[in-house]
Each structure stands twice: as structure tokens, then as C-alpha cells.
Amino acid sequence: MTEEDKELEILKAKKLAEFTKKAQAKSKPKTPRDIVLEKLVDRGDEVLYKAEQLYPKEMKIVVEKLAELIKGGELDQNISGGELLQILKVLGLRVPIETKIAFYEDGKFISFQEKLKKSMEEG
């Protein structure tokens, strides 16, 4: 190894240490909400947001408990939007979520209503 290679390795090590230090400084402790959001899939974030708007006090407790279960390893799988809705429903928290059904036809999306109307006209 030449002296230039050694200097380059030292420089790389310094840069890596600097980046690691910056990354650790930027990484703040995760809030319970952040922990739960990482596990939510399939519109789960949308359900959480809507539930928090409707039930802010109750959802704070629910989110803290879910985060506790996740951190403790008791809940290690992802939570879908539908599953989160079920959990909230069991707890007595009804969260209405807007649902749209669309069909892809002739290179564009059409609504369920348009599809029915079109099929009625054809039939």
C-alpha cells in the first residue's frame, strides 16, 4: 500500500465517522406515533389520521398501547388499514373511511357508478 492509499483510507475513515456522528445527532427518539406508523400498511396511515381527527384523546392512548406492544415484540407483523379499523371498532371508535371503486377500461379509470350506467345503456 502506498502512502497515498493510506492517506485516502484515513480520509475515508474520518468522513465515515463524521457522517455516522451526524446521523446519530439527527436521529431523535421515535415517538409512539412514529413506531406505529412504521407498522401500518394498506391505508393504515389514512385510518390513523382520520381516527386521530375524530378521537384525539382516545387515539393517543391507543397509539401508545400499540407502540408498547410493538416495542415489546408482542406485535411484530404489519397492521393493515382494515385491521386498524377492526381494532378501533372493537374499542367503540367508529371511523368512516371514504372508499371508491374504479374500473380500468379503455386506458382510463371509470367510477363504479359510470360503469353501471354504461352497462345499463348497453343492456
N, C-alpha and C. Protein backbone atom coordinates (compact mmCIF):
# COMPACT_ATOMS: atom_id res chain seq x y z
N MET A 1 0.84 -1.17 0.00
CA MET A 1 0.00 0.00 0.00
C MET A 1 0.89 1.24 0.00
N THR A 2 0.60 2.12 -0.92
CA THR A 2 1.40 3.34 -0.99
C THR A 2 0.92 4.34 0.06
N GLU A 3 1.70 5.39 0.21
CA GLU A 3 1.36 6.40 1.20
C GLU A 3 0.06 7.12 0.82
N GLU A 4 -0.18 7.31 -0.47
CA GLU A 4 -1.41 7.96 -0.93
C GLU A 4 -2.62 7.09 -0.58
N ASP A 5 -2.47 5.78 -0.74
CA ASP A 5 -3.56 4.86 -0.40
C ASP A 5 -3.89 4.94 1.09
N LYS A 6 -2.83 5.00 1.92
CA LYS A 6 -3.02 5.10 3.36
C LYS A 6 -3.74 6.39 3.74
N GLU A 7 -3.33 7.47 3.11
CA GLU A 7 -3.97 8.77 3.37
C GLU A 7 -5.43 8.76 2.94
N LEU A 8 -5.67 8.12 1.82
CA LEU A 8 -7.04 8.00 1.32
C LEU A 8 -7.90 7.18 2.27
N GLU A 9 -7.37 6.10 2.78
CA GLU A 9 -8.10 5.26 3.75
C GLU A 9 -8.40 6.04 5.02
N ILE A 10 -7.43 6.81 5.50
CA ILE A 10 -7.61 7.62 6.71
C ILE A 10 -8.69 8.67 6.46
N LEU A 11 -8.65 9.29 5.31
CA LEU A 11 -9.64 10.30 4.95
C LEU A 11 -11.04 9.68 4.87
N LYS A 12 -11.14 8.50 4.26
CA LYS A 12 -12.42 7.79 4.18
C LYS A 12 -12.95 7.47 5.57
N ALA A 13 -12.08 6.99 6.44
CA ALA A 13 -12.49 6.64 7.80
C ALA A 13 -12.99 7.87 8.55
N LYS A 14 -12.31 9.01 8.37
CA LYS A 14 -12.74 10.26 9.02
C LYS A 14 -14.10 10.69 8.51
N LYS A 15 -14.28 10.62 7.21
CA LYS A 15 -15.57 11.00 6.61
C LYS A 15 -16.69 10.10 7.12
N LEU A 16 -16.42 8.79 7.16
CA LEU A 16 -17.41 7.84 7.64
C LEU A 16 -17.78 8.13 9.09
N ALA A 17 -16.80 8.41 9.91
CA ALA A 17 -17.05 8.74 11.31
C ALA A 17 -17.88 10.02 11.42
N GLU A 18 -17.57 10.99 10.57
CA GLU A 18 -18.29 12.26 10.57
C GLU A 18 -19.76 12.06 10.17
N PHE A 19 -19.99 11.28 9.12
CA PHE A 19 -21.35 11.01 8.67
C PHE A 19 -22.14 10.24 9.73
N THR A 20 -21.49 9.26 10.36
CA THR A 20 -22.14 8.48 11.41
C THR A 20 -22.54 9.36 12.58
N LYS A 21 -21.63 10.25 12.94
CA LYS A 21 -21.90 11.17 14.06
C LYS A 21 -23.09 12.09 13.73
N LYS A 22 -23.12 12.60 12.50
CA LYS A 22 -24.23 13.47 12.07
C LYS A 22 -25.55 12.71 12.06
N ALA A 23 -25.50 11.49 11.57
CA ALA A 23 -26.73 10.68 11.51
C ALA A 23 -27.26 10.39 12.90
N GLN A 24 -26.38 10.12 13.84
CA GLN A 24 -26.81 9.86 15.21
C GLN A 24 -27.37 11.12 15.86
N ALA A 25 -26.79 12.25 15.54
CA ALA A 25 -27.28 13.52 16.09
C ALA A 25 -28.66 13.85 15.54
N LYS A 26 -28.88 13.53 14.28
CA LYS A 26 -30.17 13.82 13.66
C LYS A 26 -31.26 12.87 14.13
N SER A 27 -30.89 11.63 14.41
CA SER A 27 -31.89 10.64 14.79
C SER A 27 -32.34 10.90 16.22
N LYS A 28 -33.56 11.38 16.33
CA LYS A 28 -34.14 11.65 17.65
C LYS A 28 -34.94 10.43 18.07
N PRO A 29 -35.26 10.33 19.34
CA PRO A 29 -36.05 9.18 19.78
C PRO A 29 -37.41 9.17 19.07
N LYS A 30 -37.84 8.00 18.70
CA LYS A 30 -39.11 7.87 17.98
C LYS A 30 -40.28 8.03 18.94
N THR A 31 -41.28 8.74 18.47
CA THR A 31 -42.50 8.89 19.26
C THR A 31 -43.32 7.62 19.09
N PRO A 32 -44.26 7.36 20.00
CA PRO A 32 -45.13 6.19 19.83
C PRO A 32 -45.84 6.20 18.47
N ARG A 33 -46.23 7.39 18.02
CA ARG A 33 -46.91 7.50 16.72
C ARG A 33 -45.98 7.06 15.58
N ASP A 34 -44.71 7.46 15.64
CA ASP A 34 -43.74 7.05 14.61
C ASP A 34 -43.58 5.54 14.57
N ILE A 35 -43.53 4.94 15.75
CA ILE A 35 -43.37 3.49 15.86
C ILE A 35 -44.56 2.78 15.22
N VAL A 36 -45.76 3.27 15.50
CA VAL A 36 -46.98 2.67 14.94
C VAL A 36 -47.03 2.89 13.44
N LEU A 37 -46.71 4.10 12.99
CA LEU A 37 -46.75 4.40 11.56
C LEU A 37 -45.85 3.48 10.74
N GLU A 38 -44.72 3.07 11.30
CA GLU A 38 -43.81 2.17 10.59
C GLU A 38 -44.45 0.80 10.34
N LYS A 39 -45.41 0.41 11.15
CA LYS A 39 -46.05 -0.90 11.02
C LYS A 39 -47.34 -0.86 10.21
N LEU A 40 -47.82 0.34 9.88
CA LEU A 40 -49.09 0.46 9.16
C LEU A 40 -48.90 0.28 7.66
N VAL A 41 -49.78 -0.50 7.05
CA VAL A 41 -49.77 -0.73 5.60
C VAL A 41 -51.20 -0.62 5.08
N ASP A 42 -51.34 -0.60 3.77
CA ASP A 42 -52.66 -0.63 3.11
C ASP A 42 -53.63 0.40 3.70
N ARG A 43 -53.31 1.65 3.56
CA ARG A 43 -54.15 2.77 4.00
C ARG A 43 -54.25 2.88 5.53
N GLY A 44 -53.38 2.19 6.23
CA GLY A 44 -53.37 2.27 7.69
C GLY A 44 -53.08 3.66 8.19
N ASP A 45 -52.18 4.37 7.48
CA ASP A 45 -51.86 5.74 7.89
C ASP A 45 -53.07 6.66 7.72
N GLU A 46 -53.85 6.41 6.70
CA GLU A 46 -55.06 7.19 6.46
C GLU A 46 -56.09 6.94 7.58
N VAL A 47 -56.24 5.70 7.98
CA VAL A 47 -57.16 5.34 9.06
C VAL A 47 -56.69 6.00 10.36
N LEU A 48 -55.40 5.93 10.64
CA LEU A 48 -54.86 6.54 11.86
C LEU A 48 -55.11 8.04 11.87
N TYR A 49 -54.83 8.70 10.77
CA TYR A 49 -55.02 10.15 10.67
C TYR A 49 -56.48 10.54 10.92
N LYS A 50 -57.38 9.82 10.26
CA LYS A 50 -58.81 10.11 10.39
C LYS A 50 -59.29 9.85 11.82
N ALA A 51 -58.83 8.76 12.42
CA ALA A 51 -59.21 8.42 13.79
C ALA A 51 -58.69 9.47 14.77
N GLU A 52 -57.47 9.95 14.53
CA GLU A 52 -56.90 10.99 15.40
C GLU A 52 -57.69 12.29 15.31
N GLN A 53 -58.23 12.58 14.13
CA GLN A 53 -59.05 13.78 13.97
C GLN A 53 -60.36 13.65 14.75
N LEU A 54 -60.96 12.46 14.69
CA LEU A 54 -62.25 12.24 15.33
C LEU A 54 -62.15 12.01 16.83
N TYR A 55 -61.12 11.30 17.26
CA TYR A 55 -60.97 10.90 18.67
C TYR A 55 -59.54 11.19 19.16
N PRO A 56 -59.16 12.44 19.32
CA PRO A 56 -57.76 12.75 19.68
C PRO A 56 -57.32 12.16 21.02
N LYS A 57 -58.14 12.27 22.05
CA LYS A 57 -57.75 11.75 23.38
C LYS A 57 -57.64 10.23 23.37
N GLU A 58 -58.65 9.58 22.82
CA GLU A 58 -58.69 8.13 22.80
C GLU A 58 -57.56 7.55 21.95
N MET A 59 -57.29 8.20 20.81
CA MET A 59 -56.26 7.68 19.90
C MET A 59 -54.87 7.82 20.49
N LYS A 60 -54.66 8.83 21.33
CA LYS A 60 -53.36 8.96 21.99
C LYS A 60 -53.09 7.72 22.84
N ILE A 61 -54.11 7.26 23.54
CA ILE A 61 -53.98 6.07 24.38
C ILE A 61 -53.79 4.82 23.52
N VAL A 62 -54.59 4.71 22.46
CA VAL A 62 -54.50 3.54 21.56
C VAL A 62 -53.11 3.47 20.92
N VAL A 63 -52.62 4.60 20.43
CA VAL A 63 -51.30 4.63 19.77
C VAL A 63 -50.20 4.27 20.76
N GLU A 64 -50.30 4.80 21.97
CA GLU A 64 -49.28 4.47 22.98
C GLU A 64 -49.28 2.98 23.30
N LYS A 65 -50.45 2.38 23.41
CA LYS A 65 -50.54 0.95 23.70
C LYS A 65 -50.01 0.11 22.53
N LEU A 66 -50.38 0.48 21.30
CA LEU A 66 -49.87 -0.24 20.13
C LEU A 66 -48.35 -0.14 20.05
N ALA A 67 -47.81 1.05 20.31
CA ALA A 67 -46.36 1.24 20.28
C ALA A 67 -45.68 0.38 21.35
N GLU A 68 -46.31 0.30 22.51
CA GLU A 68 -45.79 -0.53 23.59
C GLU A 68 -45.75 -2.01 23.18
N LEU A 69 -46.82 -2.46 22.52
CA LEU A 69 -46.87 -3.85 22.05
C LEU A 69 -45.82 -4.12 20.98
N ILE A 70 -45.62 -3.14 20.10
CA ILE A 70 -44.63 -3.28 19.03
C ILE A 70 -43.23 -3.33 19.63
N LYS A 71 -42.94 -2.40 20.53
CA LYS A 71 -41.60 -2.37 21.16
C LYS A 71 -41.33 -3.63 21.97
N GLY A 72 -42.36 -4.16 22.60
CA GLY A 72 -42.22 -5.36 23.41
C GLY A 72 -42.13 -6.63 22.60
N GLY A 73 -42.33 -6.54 21.28
CA GLY A 73 -42.24 -7.70 20.42
C GLY A 73 -43.50 -8.54 20.37
N GLU A 74 -44.54 -8.10 21.07
CA GLU A 74 -45.80 -8.85 21.05
C GLU A 74 -46.57 -8.65 19.75
N LEU A 75 -46.30 -7.55 19.08
CA LEU A 75 -46.95 -7.23 17.81
C LEU A 75 -45.83 -6.99 16.80
N ASP A 76 -45.49 -8.04 16.04
CA ASP A 76 -44.35 -7.91 15.14
C ASP A 76 -44.75 -7.90 13.67
N GLN A 77 -46.03 -8.03 13.38
CA GLN A 77 -46.47 -8.02 11.99
C GLN A 77 -47.03 -6.64 11.64
N ASN A 78 -47.14 -6.39 10.34
CA ASN A 78 -47.71 -5.13 9.88
C ASN A 78 -49.21 -5.09 10.18
N ILE A 79 -49.73 -3.87 10.30
CA ILE A 79 -51.15 -3.68 10.58
C ILE A 79 -51.76 -2.98 9.37
N SER A 80 -52.73 -3.63 8.75
CA SER A 80 -53.38 -3.03 7.58
C SER A 80 -54.43 -2.02 8.04
N GLY A 81 -54.87 -1.21 7.11
CA GLY A 81 -55.92 -0.24 7.42
C GLY A 81 -57.18 -0.93 7.90
N GLY A 82 -57.53 -2.05 7.29
CA GLY A 82 -58.72 -2.80 7.69
C GLY A 82 -58.58 -3.36 9.10
N GLU A 83 -57.41 -3.86 9.43
CA GLU A 83 -57.18 -4.39 10.77
C GLU A 83 -57.26 -3.29 11.83
N LEU A 84 -56.69 -2.13 11.50
CA LEU A 84 -56.76 -1.00 12.43
C LEU A 84 -58.21 -0.55 12.62
N LEU A 85 -58.98 -0.55 11.53
CA LEU A 85 -60.40 -0.22 11.65
C LEU A 85 -61.12 -1.20 12.57
N GLN A 86 -60.80 -2.49 12.44
CA GLN A 86 -61.42 -3.50 13.29
C GLN A 86 -61.07 -3.28 14.76
N ILE A 87 -59.80 -3.00 15.04
CA ILE A 87 -59.36 -2.73 16.41
C ILE A 87 -60.15 -1.55 16.98
N LEU A 88 -60.25 -0.49 16.20
CA LEU A 88 -60.95 0.70 16.66
C LEU A 88 -62.44 0.44 16.85
N LYS A 89 -63.02 -0.38 15.97
CA LYS A 89 -64.44 -0.72 16.07
C LYS A 89 -64.71 -1.49 17.36
N VAL A 90 -63.83 -2.44 17.69
CA VAL A 90 -63.97 -3.22 18.93
C VAL A 90 -63.90 -2.30 20.14
N LEU A 91 -63.08 -1.25 20.04
CA LEU A 91 -62.95 -0.29 21.13
C LEU A 91 -64.09 0.73 21.17
N GLY A 92 -64.99 0.63 20.20
CA GLY A 92 -66.14 1.53 20.16
C GLY A 92 -65.88 2.83 19.42
N LEU A 93 -64.80 2.88 18.66
CA LEU A 93 -64.46 4.08 17.89
C LEU A 93 -64.78 3.84 16.42
N ARG A 94 -65.83 4.43 15.96
CA ARG A 94 -66.24 4.27 14.55
C ARG A 94 -65.54 5.32 13.70
N VAL A 95 -64.82 4.86 12.69
CA VAL A 95 -64.06 5.76 11.83
C VAL A 95 -64.51 5.55 10.39
N PRO A 96 -65.26 6.51 9.83
CA PRO A 96 -65.70 6.37 8.44
C PRO A 96 -64.56 6.70 7.47
N ILE A 97 -64.32 5.79 6.55
CA ILE A 97 -63.26 5.97 5.55
C ILE A 97 -63.91 6.00 4.18
N GLU A 98 -63.55 7.01 3.41
CA GLU A 98 -64.10 7.13 2.06
C GLU A 98 -63.51 6.03 1.17
N THR A 99 -64.39 5.32 0.49
CA THR A 99 -63.97 4.22 -0.36
C THR A 99 -64.50 4.46 -1.78
N LYS A 100 -63.65 4.26 -2.75
CA LYS A 100 -64.04 4.41 -4.15
C LYS A 100 -63.73 3.12 -4.88
N ILE A 101 -64.64 2.74 -5.75
CA ILE A 101 -64.42 1.58 -6.60
C ILE A 101 -64.28 2.10 -8.03
N ALA A 102 -63.17 1.75 -8.67
CA ALA A 102 -62.93 2.23 -10.03
C ALA A 102 -62.52 1.06 -10.90
N PHE A 103 -62.86 1.16 -12.17
CA PHE A 103 -62.50 0.15 -13.16
C PHE A 103 -61.58 0.78 -14.18
N TYR A 104 -60.62 0.01 -14.64
CA TYR A 104 -59.72 0.47 -15.68
C TYR A 104 -60.23 -0.07 -17.00
N GLU A 105 -60.68 0.83 -17.85
CA GLU A 105 -61.29 0.42 -19.11
C GLU A 105 -60.90 1.39 -20.21
N ASP A 106 -60.49 0.86 -21.33
CA ASP A 106 -60.10 1.68 -22.49
C ASP A 106 -59.03 2.71 -22.14
N GLY A 107 -58.07 2.33 -21.32
CA GLY A 107 -56.96 3.21 -20.99
C GLY A 107 -57.25 4.29 -19.97
N LYS A 108 -58.40 4.21 -19.29
CA LYS A 108 -58.69 5.21 -18.26
C LYS A 108 -59.50 4.57 -17.13
N PHE A 109 -59.51 5.23 -16.00
CA PHE A 109 -60.27 4.75 -14.85
C PHE A 109 -61.67 5.35 -14.91
N ILE A 110 -62.67 4.49 -14.68
CA ILE A 110 -64.04 4.99 -14.59
C ILE A 110 -64.64 4.53 -13.26
N SER A 111 -65.53 5.34 -12.73
CA SER A 111 -66.12 5.02 -11.42
C SER A 111 -67.11 3.87 -11.56
N PHE A 112 -67.44 3.28 -10.43
CA PHE A 112 -68.41 2.20 -10.39
C PHE A 112 -69.76 2.69 -10.92
N GLN A 113 -70.12 3.91 -10.55
CA GLN A 113 -71.39 4.50 -11.00
C GLN A 113 -71.42 4.62 -12.53
N GLU A 114 -70.32 5.11 -13.11
CA GLU A 114 -70.25 5.23 -14.57
C GLU A 114 -70.31 3.86 -15.24
N LYS A 115 -69.65 2.89 -14.64
CA LYS A 115 -69.64 1.53 -15.19
C LYS A 115 -71.05 0.95 -15.20
N LEU A 116 -71.79 1.12 -14.10
CA LEU A 116 -73.17 0.64 -14.05
C LEU A 116 -74.05 1.35 -15.07
N LYS A 117 -73.90 2.64 -15.16
CA LYS A 117 -74.68 3.43 -16.11
C LYS A 117 -74.41 2.99 -17.54
N LYS A 118 -73.14 2.75 -17.85
CA LYS A 118 -72.74 2.32 -19.17
C LYS A 118 -73.31 0.93 -19.49
N SER A 119 -73.26 0.01 -18.52
CA SER A 119 -73.76 -1.33 -18.76
C SER A 119 -75.28 -1.33 -18.88
N MET A 120 -75.97 -0.44 -18.17
CA MET A 120 -77.42 -0.34 -18.28
C MET A 120 -77.84 0.17 -19.67
N GLU A 121 -77.05 1.10 -20.19
CA GLU A 121 -77.34 1.65 -21.51
C GLU A 121 -77.10 0.62 -22.60
N GLU A 122 -76.09 -0.24 -22.41
CA GLU A 122 -75.75 -1.25 -23.39
C GLU A 122 -76.75 -2.41 -23.36
N GLY A 123 -77.27 -2.71 -22.16
CA GLY A 123 -78.10 -3.90 -21.99
C GLY A 123 -79.52 -3.60 -22.09
